[in-house]
C-alpha atoms as a PDB file:
ATOM      1  CA  UNK A   1    -151.746  80.825  -7.242  1.00  0.00           C
ATOM      2  CA  UNK A   2    -150.929  78.185  -9.791  1.00  0.00           C
ATOM      3  CA  UNK A   3    -147.338  78.269 -11.093  1.00  0.00           C
ATOM      4  CA  UNK A   4    -146.262  77.053 -14.694  1.00  0.00           C
ATOM      5  CA  UNK A   5    -143.130  75.974 -16.015  1.00  0.00           C
ATOM      6  CA  UNK A   6    -141.645  76.709 -19.249  1.00  0.00           C
ATOM      7  CA  UNK A   7    -140.709  72.876 -19.926  1.00  0.00           C
ATOM      8  CA  UNK A   8    -140.873  71.911 -23.590  1.00  0.00           C
ATOM      9  CA  UNK A   9    -141.570  68.571 -24.718  1.00  0.00           C
ATOM     10  CA  UNK A  10    -138.992  66.412 -25.709  1.00  0.00           C
ATOM     11  CA  UNK A  11    -139.550  63.682 -28.583  1.00  0.00           C
ATOM     12  CA  UNK A  12    -137.753  60.752 -27.613  1.00  0.00           C
ATOM     13  CA  UNK A  13    -136.235  58.843 -30.828  1.00  0.00           C
ATOM     14  CA  UNK A  14    -137.061  55.219 -31.151  1.00  0.00           C
ATOM     15  CA  UNK A  15    -133.919  54.431 -32.916  1.00  0.00           C
ATOM     16  CA  UNK A  16    -131.205  53.420 -30.991  1.00  0.00           C
ATOM     17  CA  UNK A  17    -127.467  53.384 -31.273  1.00  0.00           C
ATOM     18  CA  UNK A  18    -127.110  49.463 -31.280  1.00  0.00           C
ATOM     19  CA  UNK A  19    -129.482  49.633 -34.237  1.00  0.00           C
ATOM     20  CA  UNK A  20    -127.698  51.847 -36.468  1.00  0.00           C
ATOM     21  CA  UNK A  21    -124.353  50.041 -35.723  1.00  0.00           C
ATOM     22  CA  UNK A  22    -126.462  46.908 -36.555  1.00  0.00           C
ATOM     23  CA  UNK A  23    -127.660  48.331 -40.020  1.00  0.00           C
ATOM     24  CA  UNK A  24    -124.255  49.555 -40.844  1.00  0.00           C
ATOM     25  CA  UNK A  25    -122.796  46.258 -39.944  1.00  0.00           C
ATOM     26  CA  UNK A  26    -125.321  44.517 -42.192  1.00  0.00           C
ATOM     27  CA  UNK A  27    -124.875  46.451 -45.188  1.00  0.00           C
ATOM     28  CA  UNK A  28    -120.913  46.591 -44.958  1.00  0.00           C
ATOM     29  CA  UNK A  29    -120.964  43.211 -44.206  1.00  0.00           C
ATOM     30  CA  UNK A  30    -122.623  42.350 -47.775  1.00  0.00           C
ATOM     31  CA  UNK A  31    -119.535  43.525 -49.463  1.00  0.00           C
ATOM     32  CA  UNK A  32    -116.594  43.252 -46.797  1.00  0.00           C
ATOM     33  CA  UNK A  33    -116.118  40.425 -43.891  1.00  0.00           C
ATOM     34  CA  UNK A  34    -119.158  39.026 -43.919  1.00  0.00           C
ATOM     35  CA  UNK A  35    -118.039  36.425 -41.413  1.00  0.00           C
ATOM     36  CA  UNK A  36    -117.817  38.835 -38.783  1.00  0.00           C
ATOM     37  CA  UNK A  37    -120.186  41.734 -39.538  1.00  0.00           C
ATOM     38  CA  UNK A  38    -122.907  39.441 -40.374  1.00  0.00           C
ATOM     39  CA  UNK A  39    -123.059  38.272 -36.657  1.00  0.00           C
ATOM     40  CA  UNK A  40    -122.012  41.420 -35.089  1.00  0.00           C
ATOM     41  CA  UNK A  41    -125.453  42.699 -37.021  1.00  0.00           C
ATOM     42  CA  UNK A  42    -127.372  40.277 -35.969  1.00  0.00           C
ATOM     43  CA  UNK A  43    -126.121  41.050 -32.044  1.00  0.00           C
ATOM     44  CA  UNK A  44    -126.452  44.491 -32.459  1.00  0.00           C
ATOM     45  CA  UNK A  45    -130.354  44.103 -34.082  1.00  0.00           C
ATOM     46  CA  UNK A  46    -131.151  41.567 -31.172  1.00  0.00           C
ATOM     47  CA  UNK A  47    -129.861  44.300 -28.281  1.00  0.00           C
ATOM     48  CA  UNK A  48    -131.925  46.754 -30.293  1.00  0.00           C
ATOM     49  CA  UNK A  49    -135.094  45.136 -30.938  1.00  0.00           C
ATOM     50  CA  UNK A  50    -134.945  44.521 -27.156  1.00  0.00           C
ATOM     51  CA  UNK A  51    -134.433  47.919 -26.207  1.00  0.00           C
ATOM     52  CA  UNK A  52    -136.748  49.737 -28.805  1.00  0.00           C
ATOM     53  CA  UNK A  53    -138.497  47.028 -31.000  1.00  0.00           C
ATOM     54  CA  UNK A  54    -137.938  49.011 -33.791  1.00  0.00           C
ATOM     55  CA  UNK A  55    -138.346  47.989 -37.176  1.00  0.00           C
ATOM     56  CA  UNK A  56    -134.425  49.001 -38.044  1.00  0.00           C
ATOM     57  CA  UNK A  57    -133.612  46.303 -35.439  1.00  0.00           C
ATOM     58  CA  UNK A  58    -135.427  44.016 -37.216  1.00  0.00           C
ATOM     59  CA  UNK A  59    -133.692  45.114 -40.306  1.00  0.00           C
ATOM     60  CA  UNK A  60    -130.404  44.550 -38.723  1.00  0.00           C
ATOM     61  CA  UNK A  61    -131.130  40.923 -38.035  1.00  0.00           C
ATOM     62  CA  UNK A  62    -132.356  40.024 -41.512  1.00  0.00           C
ATOM     63  CA  UNK A  63    -129.177  41.671 -43.001  1.00  0.00           C
ATOM     64  CA  UNK A  64    -127.096  39.482 -40.727  1.00  0.00           C
ATOM     65  CA  UNK A  65    -128.739  36.659 -41.747  1.00  0.00           C
ATOM     66  CA  UNK A  66    -128.374  37.216 -45.294  1.00  0.00           C
ATOM     67  CA  UNK A  67    -124.351  38.081 -44.879  1.00  0.00           C
ATOM     68  CA  UNK A  68    -124.005  34.593 -43.325  1.00  0.00           C
ATOM     69  CA  UNK A  69    -126.152  32.883 -46.528  1.00  0.00           C
ATOM     70  CA  UNK A  70    -123.790  34.819 -48.694  1.00  0.00           C
ATOM     71  CA  UNK A  71    -120.864  33.658 -47.178  1.00  0.00           C
ATOM     72  CA  UNK A  72    -121.980  30.060 -47.107  1.00  0.00           C
ATOM     73  CA  UNK A  73    -122.934  30.262 -50.650  1.00  0.00           C
ATOM     74  CA  UNK A  74    -119.466  31.741 -51.548  1.00  0.00           C
ATOM     75  CA  UNK A  75    -117.889  29.118 -49.664  1.00  0.00           C
ATOM     76  CA  UNK A  76    -120.021  26.475 -51.405  1.00  0.00           C
ATOM     77  CA  UNK A  77    -119.343  27.808 -54.837  1.00  0.00           C
ATOM     78  CA  UNK A  78    -115.214  28.091 -53.694  1.00  0.00           C
ATOM     79  CA  UNK A  79    -115.335  24.427 -52.560  1.00  0.00           C
ATOM     80  CA  UNK A  80    -116.881  23.528 -56.223  1.00  0.00           C
ATOM     81  CA  UNK A  81    -114.312  25.334 -58.098  1.00  0.00           C
ATOM     82  CA  UNK A  82    -111.435  23.597 -56.478  1.00  0.00           C
ATOM     83  CA  UNK A  83    -111.218  26.199 -53.704  1.00  0.00           C
ATOM     84  CA  UNK A  84    -111.099  29.351 -55.377  1.00  0.00           C
ATOM     85  CA  UNK A  85    -112.927  31.810 -57.201  1.00  0.00           C
ATOM     86  CA  UNK A  86    -111.857  32.504 -60.997  1.00  0.00           C
ATOM     87  CA  UNK A  87    -113.239  35.062 -63.493  1.00  0.00           C
ATOM     88  CA  UNK A  88    -112.977  34.564 -67.166  1.00  0.00           C
ATOM     89  CA  UNK A  89    -113.919  37.591 -69.179  1.00  0.00           C
ATOM     90  CA  UNK A  90    -113.950  37.141 -72.920  1.00  0.00           C
END
């Protein structure tokens, strides 16, 4: 007689913790501390890409690179303005 078990199928999520952490670091890094959060997004994205190969991991790396490019652009603008940013309204 055949025995049957009542095991359900478990769906595994392809989204990993490092992918979510990298996405958060990349998005927040656009607005705050891109010098720290940009490289963290790249590292978390590389770890997640190695683990799952998900699209979110590729977005992490892209956002990390965007953070670093924006940071370099801000430094270049600040250097061209005598070392600081100034906003003149009116």
